[in-house]
Amino acid sequence: MKFSYDSKMDDLFIFDTSSKSKGSIEIGDLILDLDKNKKIVGVEIINATKFLKNLDVKITKAFLEGLKNAKFDLAKQKNWTFLKINLTSANQKLNPIVSVAF
């Protein structure tokens, strides 16, 4: 998995390099990229600092600018998909969880 962070726009993009996006679902500031089988292969968070703070995650632009690793994991339960975002900087690790129904 790879990631990029645009500090000027405050956008975080995490994507699976082994899969190609064939479409996307936009849920507010969260964009989920899907492959041809509707599996999530990419996550883009617009206004990432604000979005993650709304999840009670203590995060700053400086943390995002210093990211060393970013990935996501998925867990499905009935009609819900739980998206766990793993963010690691030099001295801190955060694991916000977002639940999405689709």
Foldseek 3Di string as FASTA:
>chain_A
DDWDADLVQRKIKAFAPVADFPDWDDDPQWIFTAGPVRDTGMIMGGNVCVVVVVLVDDDDSVQVVQWPDWDWDWDDDVQKIKIWIWTDGPPDIDTRIDIDGD
